[in-house]
Amino acid sequence: MSYADQPSLSERLADDIVEIIRTERLSPGDTLASSRELARRFEVTTPTVREALRRLEATQVVEFRHGSGTYVGPGIERRLLANPHLPRSTRQSVLELVEARLVVEPAVAAEAARVRLPQGLEQLTYAAANALFPPEESVRRSVHFHVALAASSGNALLKETVEALLQVRARDQIEIRHRYNDRERDHAEHLLILEAVRDGDADAAERITREHLGAIRDAVLAADLPAGGELS
C-alpha cells in the first residue's frame, strides 16, 4: 500500500469510534462520549476527534444535537450507505431510478408475501396510508411504504437496499412523486400490494408491484421533462 492509500488519522479514529459503539453495544439514540473524553482516550487532539465525528455524521453513524451532545445515529446499523452528496436529477436519472426499482422491488414484494413477517405486516399496514399525503421535500414519508414492504421480507439487507436506492436518488424520487401525483390511485395500489402480501400470494404481490411501478414509469415517460440538463 502506498502512502497515499493509507487511511488518515481521522479515518482510523472514526473506525475506532465505531468499534467503541459496537463493543459497548450502543444503539441509535444512545449518548456517545464527548469529544474531550474521546480525545483523552485515544491520546489525540479534540479537533482530530471532531473531524472523525464529522466523517461519521456524513453517513448518520453519529448525530450532533446542539447543546445536548453527540448521539449514535441510525447509520450504525446500515450495511449499505447512501451518498451524502446527492447527484443532480436529469430525465435520464429519473427513468434510471424507475427501471432499477422495476428490477428490484417486484421480487422483494414476492419474498415479503412468502415470509409474511408479523411485525413487518403491521408496519406495512400503517405505511399504506402514507400515499394519501402530498409529496414533500423530504421523501421519507413518500417512500416509506416501499421500504416497509422490503422490511416485511425479514431480510435487513433487502430493506437497506431499497432504502439506500431511494435515498441515494432522493431528488429523482421527488421528481417521480411530482409526475405520478394521483394519491388516491397510489393508495389503492399500495392496498392491493398489502392484501397480496397479507394473503401470502407471492405471484400476485410481484405482479401488482410490477404493474404499480410500470404505471409510474409510464407517467414519467409521458411527462414533459427536458431531454438533457438538470431538472429544477
Protein backbone atom coordinates (compact mmCIF):
# COMPACT_ATOMS: atom_id res chain seq x y z
CA MET A 1 0.00 0.00 0.00
CA SER A 2 1.38 3.40 -0.95
CA TYR A 3 1.47 6.31 1.48
CA ALA A 4 -1.39 7.97 -0.42
CA ASP A 5 -3.54 4.86 0.05
CA GLN A 6 -3.06 4.72 3.80
CA PRO A 7 -6.01 5.93 5.91
CA SER A 8 -5.64 9.28 7.63
CA LEU A 9 -5.60 9.66 11.40
CA SER A 10 -9.21 10.87 11.40
CA GLU A 11 -10.27 7.87 9.29
CA ARG A 12 -8.60 5.44 11.67
CA LEU A 13 -10.11 7.29 14.60
CA ALA A 14 -13.57 7.08 13.01
CA ASP A 15 -13.14 3.31 12.81
CA ASP A 16 -12.09 3.24 16.46
CA ILE A 17 -15.18 5.21 17.50
CA VAL A 18 -17.40 2.77 15.61
CA GLU A 19 -15.67 -0.07 17.45
CA ILE A 20 -16.50 1.63 20.76
CA ILE A 21 -20.16 1.84 19.74
CA ARG A 22 -20.21 -1.87 18.88
CA THR A 23 -18.18 -3.02 21.89
CA GLU A 24 -20.33 -1.07 24.31
CA ARG A 25 -23.44 -2.23 22.42
CA LEU A 26 -24.77 1.27 21.97
CA SER A 27 -27.92 1.69 19.91
CA PRO A 28 -29.30 4.59 17.85
CA GLY A 29 -30.25 7.37 20.24
CA ASP A 30 -27.70 6.43 22.90
CA THR A 31 -25.27 9.09 24.07
CA LEU A 32 -21.67 8.94 22.88
CA ALA A 33 -18.71 10.11 24.96
CA SER A 34 -17.81 13.77 24.49
CA SER A 35 -15.08 14.89 22.08
CA ARG A 36 -12.83 15.71 25.02
CA GLU A 37 -13.32 12.30 26.59
CA LEU A 38 -12.60 10.57 23.30
CA ALA A 39 -9.53 12.74 22.77
CA ARG A 40 -8.16 11.70 26.17
CA ARG A 41 -8.98 8.06 25.50
CA PHE A 42 -7.16 7.95 22.17
CA GLU A 43 -4.48 10.47 23.14
CA VAL A 44 -5.22 12.80 20.23
CA THR A 45 -6.36 16.41 19.95
CA THR A 46 -10.01 17.39 20.28
CA PRO A 47 -10.10 18.85 16.71
CA THR A 48 -8.95 15.48 15.36
CA VAL A 49 -11.81 13.76 17.20
CA ARG A 50 -14.27 16.30 15.83
CA GLU A 51 -13.02 15.67 12.29
CA ALA A 52 -13.56 11.94 12.79
CA LEU A 53 -17.05 12.57 14.16
CA ARG A 54 -17.90 14.76 11.16
CA ARG A 55 -16.95 11.84 8.92
CA LEU A 56 -19.33 9.62 10.85
CA GLU A 57 -22.06 12.26 10.79
CA ALA A 58 -21.99 12.25 6.97
CA THR A 59 -23.25 8.66 6.99
CA GLN A 60 -25.51 9.15 10.05
CA VAL A 61 -23.41 6.88 12.25
CA VAL A 62 -23.49 9.71 14.78
CA GLU A 63 -25.73 12.73 15.19
CA PHE A 64 -24.91 16.11 16.74
CA ARG A 65 -27.61 17.72 18.86
CA HIS A 66 -26.90 21.36 19.61
CA GLY A 67 -26.48 21.94 23.31
CA SER A 68 -27.01 18.27 24.09
CA GLY A 69 -24.08 16.26 22.77
CA THR A 70 -23.25 13.51 20.30
CA TYR A 71 -25.53 10.52 19.85
CA VAL A 72 -25.41 7.23 17.98
CA GLY A 73 -27.31 7.61 14.71
CA PRO A 74 -29.33 5.16 12.58
CA GLY A 75 -26.40 4.71 10.18
CA ILE A 76 -24.60 2.45 12.66
CA GLU A 77 -26.95 -0.40 11.73
CA ARG A 78 -26.69 0.03 7.95
CA ARG A 79 -24.72 -2.21 5.65
CA LEU A 80 -25.33 -0.02 2.61
CA LEU A 81 -24.76 3.71 2.74
CA ALA A 82 -26.34 6.39 0.57
CA ASN A 83 -24.11 9.07 -0.91
CA PRO A 84 -24.45 12.16 1.33
CA HIS A 85 -23.69 14.38 -1.69
CA LEU A 86 -26.79 13.80 -3.79
CA PRO A 87 -26.37 13.97 -7.58
CA ARG A 88 -28.46 16.32 -9.70
CA SER A 89 -31.60 15.00 -11.36
CA THR A 90 -31.96 14.61 -15.12
CA ARG A 91 -34.61 12.94 -17.26
CA GLN A 92 -32.26 10.01 -17.72
CA SER A 93 -31.56 9.65 -13.98
CA VAL A 94 -35.28 9.70 -13.11
CA LEU A 95 -36.03 6.97 -15.65
CA GLU A 96 -33.00 5.05 -14.44
CA LEU A 97 -34.37 5.01 -10.90
CA VAL A 98 -37.78 3.74 -12.05
CA GLU A 99 -36.14 0.98 -14.11
CA ALA A 100 -33.95 -0.05 -11.18
CA ARG A 101 -36.97 -0.24 -8.92
CA LEU A 102 -38.78 -2.35 -11.51
CA VAL A 103 -35.94 -4.87 -11.38
CA VAL A 104 -35.67 -4.99 -7.59
CA GLU A 105 -39.00 -4.34 -5.92
CA PRO A 106 -41.37 -6.89 -7.53
CA ALA A 107 -39.08 -9.71 -6.37
CA VAL A 108 -38.85 -8.11 -2.93
CA ALA A 109 -42.67 -7.97 -2.74
CA ALA A 110 -42.87 -11.67 -3.63
CA GLU A 111 -40.41 -12.50 -0.85
CA ALA A 112 -42.40 -10.40 1.61
CA ALA A 113 -45.54 -12.40 0.70
CA ARG A 114 -43.70 -15.69 1.23
CA VAL A 115 -42.32 -14.66 4.62
CA ARG A 116 -45.19 -12.52 5.98
CA LEU A 117 -43.22 -11.29 8.96
CA PRO A 118 -45.88 -10.26 11.56
CA GLN A 119 -44.09 -7.09 12.66
CA GLY A 120 -43.42 -6.21 9.02
CA LEU A 121 -47.09 -6.63 8.13
CA GLU A 122 -48.06 -4.29 10.94
CA GLN A 123 -45.62 -1.65 9.71
CA LEU A 124 -46.71 -2.16 6.10
CA THR A 125 -50.37 -1.69 7.04
CA TYR A 126 -49.53 1.57 8.78
CA ALA A 127 -47.32 2.71 5.89
CA ALA A 128 -50.02 2.12 3.28
CA ALA A 129 -51.85 5.23 4.49
CA ASN A 130 -48.88 7.41 3.56
CA ALA A 131 -49.93 7.51 -0.10
CA LEU A 132 -52.70 9.89 0.96
CA PHE A 133 -50.15 12.54 1.92
CA PRO A 134 -48.84 15.01 -0.70
CA PRO A 135 -45.19 14.94 -1.82
CA GLU A 136 -42.74 16.65 0.50
CA GLU A 137 -39.23 17.99 0.14
CA SER A 138 -38.23 15.12 2.39
CA VAL A 139 -39.23 11.84 0.72
CA ARG A 140 -39.17 9.82 3.93
CA ARG A 141 -42.97 9.70 4.13
CA SER A 142 -43.36 9.31 0.35
CA VAL A 143 -41.19 6.20 0.06
CA HIS A 144 -41.96 4.68 3.42
CA PHE A 145 -44.37 2.09 2.01
CA HIS A 146 -41.73 0.59 -0.27
CA VAL A 147 -39.13 0.48 2.48
CA ALA A 148 -41.70 -1.16 4.77
CA LEU A 149 -42.50 -3.65 2.00
CA ALA A 150 -38.86 -4.67 1.85
CA ALA A 151 -38.68 -4.83 5.65
CA SER A 152 -41.63 -7.25 5.59
CA SER A 153 -39.37 -9.80 3.92
CA GLY A 154 -37.49 -10.14 7.20
CA ASN A 155 -34.21 -9.57 5.34
CA ALA A 156 -32.46 -6.48 6.70
CA LEU A 157 -30.19 -6.25 3.67
CA LEU A 158 -33.15 -6.15 1.26
CA LYS A 159 -34.71 -3.40 3.35
CA GLU A 160 -31.47 -1.42 3.35
CA THR A 161 -31.04 -1.98 -0.40
CA VAL A 162 -34.41 -0.39 -1.21
CA GLU A 163 -33.88 2.34 1.37
CA ALA A 164 -30.41 3.18 0.08
CA LEU A 165 -31.63 3.16 -3.54
CA LEU A 166 -34.33 5.68 -2.72
CA GLN A 167 -32.10 7.84 -0.55
CA VAL A 168 -29.15 8.00 -2.92
CA ARG A 169 -31.51 9.17 -5.67
CA ALA A 170 -33.76 11.26 -3.42
CA ARG A 171 -34.10 14.12 -5.90
CA ASP A 172 -35.12 11.70 -8.63
CA GLN A 173 -37.71 10.20 -6.29
CA ILE A 174 -39.16 13.67 -5.66
CA GLU A 175 -39.46 14.16 -9.43
CA ILE A 176 -41.24 10.80 -9.69
CA ARG A 177 -43.70 11.82 -6.99
CA HIS A 178 -44.43 15.06 -8.84
CA ARG A 179 -45.14 13.19 -12.09
CA TYR A 180 -47.12 10.34 -10.53
CA ASN A 181 -49.24 12.54 -8.29
CA ASP A 182 -52.56 10.68 -8.09
CA ARG A 183 -52.56 10.00 -4.34
CA GLU A 184 -55.84 8.06 -4.39
CA ARG A 185 -54.58 5.70 -7.10
CA ASP A 186 -51.24 5.33 -5.34
CA HIS A 187 -53.05 4.47 -2.12
CA ALA A 188 -55.31 1.94 -3.85
CA GLU A 189 -52.35 0.20 -5.48
CA HIS A 190 -50.49 0.05 -2.17
CA LEU A 191 -53.54 -1.56 -0.57
CA LEU A 192 -53.61 -4.21 -3.32
CA ILE A 193 -49.93 -4.98 -2.69
CA LEU A 194 -50.60 -5.12 1.05
CA GLU A 195 -53.50 -7.52 0.54
CA ALA A 196 -51.38 -9.84 -1.61
CA VAL A 197 -48.59 -9.86 0.96
CA ARG A 198 -51.02 -10.47 3.82
CA ASP A 199 -52.60 -13.35 1.87
CA GLY A 200 -49.20 -14.88 1.19
CA ASP A 201 -49.78 -14.65 -2.57
CA ALA A 202 -46.24 -14.14 -3.88
CA ASP A 203 -47.27 -14.19 -7.55
CA ALA A 204 -49.91 -11.51 -7.04
CA ALA A 205 -47.59 -9.38 -4.90
CA GLU A 206 -44.93 -9.47 -7.59
CA ARG A 207 -47.37 -8.79 -10.43
CA ILE A 208 -49.17 -5.89 -8.72
CA THR A 209 -45.89 -4.29 -7.67
CA ARG A 210 -44.61 -4.58 -11.23
CA GLU A 211 -47.82 -3.03 -12.60
CA HIS A 212 -47.66 -0.25 -9.99
CA LEU A 213 -44.08 0.65 -10.89
CA GLY A 214 -44.87 0.27 -14.59
CA ALA A 215 -47.60 2.88 -14.23
CA ILE A 216 -45.10 5.18 -12.53
CA ARG A 217 -42.67 4.67 -15.40
CA ASP A 218 -45.42 5.47 -17.93
CA ALA A 219 -46.22 8.69 -16.07
CA VAL A 220 -42.58 9.73 -16.14
CA LEU A 221 -42.29 8.91 -19.85
CA ALA A 222 -45.41 10.96 -20.59
CA ALA A 223 -44.20 13.94 -18.59
CA ASP A 224 -42.76 16.97 -20.34
CA LEU A 225 -39.24 16.61 -18.99
CA PRO A 226 -36.28 18.19 -20.77
CA ALA A 227 -34.23 15.60 -22.66
CA GLY A 228 -30.93 16.89 -21.31
CA GLY A 229 -29.64 19.03 -18.49
CA GLU A 230 -30.60 19.22 -14.87
CA LEU A 231 -34.19 19.33 -13.62
CA SER A 232 -35.17 22.17 -11.34
